[in-house]
């Protein structure tokens, strides 16, 4: 299974770290204008893209599921409510954060 900080994942790991950093910095830059900036870091999600890449239904997916505390691949319906929350007034005090929505896999 490919994990963050594993050998041969330098580009993937760097881009994920960059998204986290951009989220934090933009939140500071845009906060005075009352603009909130947050990001969602999903685990493996069953989407058209993961099917097209051949990730779903193979050993790679099985390894992810085996290491995910909730024991399954995510569904779009697992991620969408988090995005709705972040876009709503209910999250008006949340900015500069990355929400990990991964079934417990870190």
C-alpha atoms as a PDB file:
ATOM      1  CA  UNK A   1       0.000   0.000   0.000  1.00  0.00           C
ATOM      2  CA  UNK A   2       1.197   3.510  -0.736  1.00  0.00           C
ATOM      3  CA  UNK A   3       1.292   5.617   2.398  1.00  0.00           C
ATOM      4  CA  UNK A   4       2.426   9.147   2.950  1.00  0.00           C
ATOM      5  CA  UNK A   5       6.131   9.277   3.720  1.00  0.00           C
ATOM      6  CA  UNK A   6       6.763   5.855   2.185  1.00  0.00           C
ATOM      7  CA  UNK A   7       9.698   5.441  -0.189  1.00  0.00           C
ATOM      8  CA  UNK A   8       8.919   6.436  -3.786  1.00  0.00           C
ATOM      9  CA  UNK A   9       6.079   8.792  -2.816  1.00  0.00           C
ATOM     10  CA  UNK A  10       8.015  12.062  -2.658  1.00  0.00           C
ATOM     11  CA  UNK A  11       5.891  13.916  -5.235  1.00  0.00           C
ATOM     12  CA  UNK A  12       2.595  12.695  -3.780  1.00  0.00           C
ATOM     13  CA  UNK A  13       3.696  13.524  -0.234  1.00  0.00           C
ATOM     14  CA  UNK A  14       5.015  16.943  -1.251  1.00  0.00           C
ATOM     15  CA  UNK A  15       1.797  17.909  -3.025  1.00  0.00           C
ATOM     16  CA  UNK A  16      -0.325  16.863  -0.043  1.00  0.00           C
ATOM     17  CA  UNK A  17       1.910  18.899   2.265  1.00  0.00           C
ATOM     18  CA  UNK A  18       1.675  21.849  -0.114  1.00  0.00           C
ATOM     19  CA  UNK A  19      -2.140  21.771  -0.033  1.00  0.00           C
ATOM     20  CA  UNK A  20      -2.061  21.834   3.777  1.00  0.00           C
ATOM     21  CA  UNK A  21       0.382  24.770   3.771  1.00  0.00           C
ATOM     22  CA  UNK A  22      -1.567  26.743   1.150  1.00  0.00           C
ATOM     23  CA  UNK A  23      -4.744  26.191   3.175  1.00  0.00           C
ATOM     24  CA  UNK A  24      -3.155  27.624   6.324  1.00  0.00           C
ATOM     25  CA  UNK A  25      -1.516  30.594   4.584  1.00  0.00           C
ATOM     26  CA  UNK A  26      -4.560  31.561   2.516  1.00  0.00           C
ATOM     27  CA  UNK A  27      -6.706  31.418   5.640  1.00  0.00           C
ATOM     28  CA  UNK A  28      -4.404  34.003   7.248  1.00  0.00           C
ATOM     29  CA  UNK A  29      -4.273  36.159   4.134  1.00  0.00           C
ATOM     30  CA  UNK A  30      -8.008  36.073   3.415  1.00  0.00           C
ATOM     31  CA  UNK A  31      -9.376  35.977   6.968  1.00  0.00           C
ATOM     32  CA  UNK A  32      -9.398  39.775   7.305  1.00  0.00           C
ATOM     33  CA  UNK A  33     -11.719  39.832   4.271  1.00  0.00           C
ATOM     34  CA  UNK A  34     -14.028  37.326   6.028  1.00  0.00           C
ATOM     35  CA  UNK A  35     -13.069  34.566   3.597  1.00  0.00           C
ATOM     36  CA  UNK A  36     -12.543  31.159   5.171  1.00  0.00           C
ATOM     37  CA  UNK A  37     -10.185  28.613   3.607  1.00  0.00           C
ATOM     38  CA  UNK A  38     -10.249  24.945   4.535  1.00  0.00           C
ATOM     39  CA  UNK A  39      -9.448  21.689   2.782  1.00  0.00           C
ATOM     40  CA  UNK A  40     -10.673  18.127   2.875  1.00  0.00           C
ATOM     41  CA  UNK A  41      -8.194  15.269   2.885  1.00  0.00           C
ATOM     42  CA  UNK A  42     -10.197  12.189   1.900  1.00  0.00           C
ATOM     43  CA  UNK A  43      -9.076   8.623   2.166  1.00  0.00           C
ATOM     44  CA  UNK A  44      -9.641   6.189  -0.675  1.00  0.00           C
ATOM     45  CA  UNK A  45     -13.055   6.982  -2.183  1.00  0.00           C
ATOM     46  CA  UNK A  46     -14.978   4.863  -4.687  1.00  0.00           C
ATOM     47  CA  UNK A  47     -15.345   7.303  -7.603  1.00  0.00           C
ATOM     48  CA  UNK A  48     -15.260   7.241 -11.399  1.00  0.00           C
ATOM     49  CA  UNK A  49     -11.627   8.309 -11.152  1.00  0.00           C
ATOM     50  CA  UNK A  50     -10.528   5.508  -8.833  1.00  0.00           C
ATOM     51  CA  UNK A  51     -12.367   3.015 -11.055  1.00  0.00           C
ATOM     52  CA  UNK A  52     -10.733   4.452 -14.195  1.00  0.00           C
ATOM     53  CA  UNK A  53      -7.314   4.177 -12.549  1.00  0.00           C
ATOM     54  CA  UNK A  54      -7.997   0.537 -11.704  1.00  0.00           C
ATOM     55  CA  UNK A  55      -7.723   1.128  -7.958  1.00  0.00           C
ATOM     56  CA  UNK A  56     -11.124  -0.241  -7.000  1.00  0.00           C
ATOM     57  CA  UNK A  57     -11.466  -4.008  -6.903  1.00  0.00           C
ATOM     58  CA  UNK A  58      -7.786  -4.907  -6.749  1.00  0.00           C
ATOM     59  CA  UNK A  59      -5.135  -5.645  -4.107  1.00  0.00           C
ATOM     60  CA  UNK A  60      -4.378  -1.932  -3.649  1.00  0.00           C
ATOM     61  CA  UNK A  61      -7.947  -1.313  -2.468  1.00  0.00           C
ATOM     62  CA  UNK A  62      -7.844  -4.424  -0.280  1.00  0.00           C
ATOM     63  CA  UNK A  63      -4.689  -3.149   1.437  1.00  0.00           C
ATOM     64  CA  UNK A  64      -6.287   0.235   2.078  1.00  0.00           C
ATOM     65  CA  UNK A  65      -9.437  -1.351   3.498  1.00  0.00           C
ATOM     66  CA  UNK A  66      -7.395  -3.683   5.706  1.00  0.00           C
ATOM     67  CA  UNK A  67      -5.618  -0.684   7.263  1.00  0.00           C
ATOM     68  CA  UNK A  68      -8.705   1.529   7.554  1.00  0.00           C
ATOM     69  CA  UNK A  69     -10.255   1.353  11.030  1.00  0.00           C
ATOM     70  CA  UNK A  70     -13.803   1.616   9.647  1.00  0.00           C
ATOM     71  CA  UNK A  71     -12.972  -1.269   7.294  1.00  0.00           C
ATOM     72  CA  UNK A  72     -14.231  -0.001   3.962  1.00  0.00           C
ATOM     73  CA  UNK A  73     -13.574   2.267   1.009  1.00  0.00           C
ATOM     74  CA  UNK A  74     -15.212   5.679   1.263  1.00  0.00           C
ATOM     75  CA  UNK A  75     -18.190   6.727  -0.817  1.00  0.00           C
ATOM     76  CA  UNK A  76     -18.896  10.177  -2.247  1.00  0.00           C
ATOM     77  CA  UNK A  77     -21.732  10.448   0.282  1.00  0.00           C
ATOM     78  CA  UNK A  78     -19.100  10.226   3.025  1.00  0.00           C
ATOM     79  CA  UNK A  79     -17.281  13.304   1.714  1.00  0.00           C
ATOM     80  CA  UNK A  80     -20.108  15.519   0.458  1.00  0.00           C
ATOM     81  CA  UNK A  81     -21.596  16.348   3.886  1.00  0.00           C
ATOM     82  CA  UNK A  82     -18.179  17.523   5.072  1.00  0.00           C
ATOM     83  CA  UNK A  83     -17.931  19.881   2.086  1.00  0.00           C
ATOM     84  CA  UNK A  84     -21.448  21.150   2.774  1.00  0.00           C
ATOM     85  CA  UNK A  85     -20.523  21.725   6.421  1.00  0.00           C
ATOM     86  CA  UNK A  86     -17.418  23.697   5.476  1.00  0.00           C
ATOM     87  CA  UNK A  87     -19.449  25.824   3.059  1.00  0.00           C
ATOM     88  CA  UNK A  88     -22.151  26.519   5.653  1.00  0.00           C
ATOM     89  CA  UNK A  89     -22.477  29.078   8.426  1.00  0.00           C
ATOM     90  CA  UNK A  90     -22.208  26.197  10.887  1.00  0.00           C
ATOM     91  CA  UNK A  91     -18.454  26.233  10.248  1.00  0.00           C
ATOM     92  CA  UNK A  92     -18.094  30.015  10.512  1.00  0.00           C
ATOM     93  CA  UNK A  93     -15.323  29.641  13.127  1.00  0.00           C
ATOM     94  CA  UNK A  94     -13.336  27.117  11.076  1.00  0.00           C
ATOM     95  CA  UNK A  95     -10.542  28.352   8.845  1.00  0.00           C
ATOM     96  CA  UNK A  96      -7.051  27.196   7.975  1.00  0.00           C
ATOM     97  CA  UNK A  97      -7.922  23.596   8.756  1.00  0.00           C
ATOM     98  CA  UNK A  98      -7.611  20.340   6.896  1.00  0.00           C
ATOM     99  CA  UNK A  99     -10.339  17.868   7.734  1.00  0.00           C
ATOM    100  CA  UNK A 100      -9.220  14.273   7.310  1.00  0.00           C
ATOM    101  CA  UNK A 101     -12.185  12.211   6.150  1.00  0.00           C
ATOM    102  CA  UNK A 102     -10.639   8.796   5.758  1.00  0.00           C
ATOM    103  CA  UNK A 103     -12.424   6.222   7.879  1.00  0.00           C
ATOM    104  CA  UNK A 104      -9.618   6.585  10.406  1.00  0.00           C
ATOM    105  CA  UNK A 105      -6.671   5.830   8.086  1.00  0.00           C
ATOM    106  CA  UNK A 106      -3.781   8.220   8.703  1.00  0.00           C
END
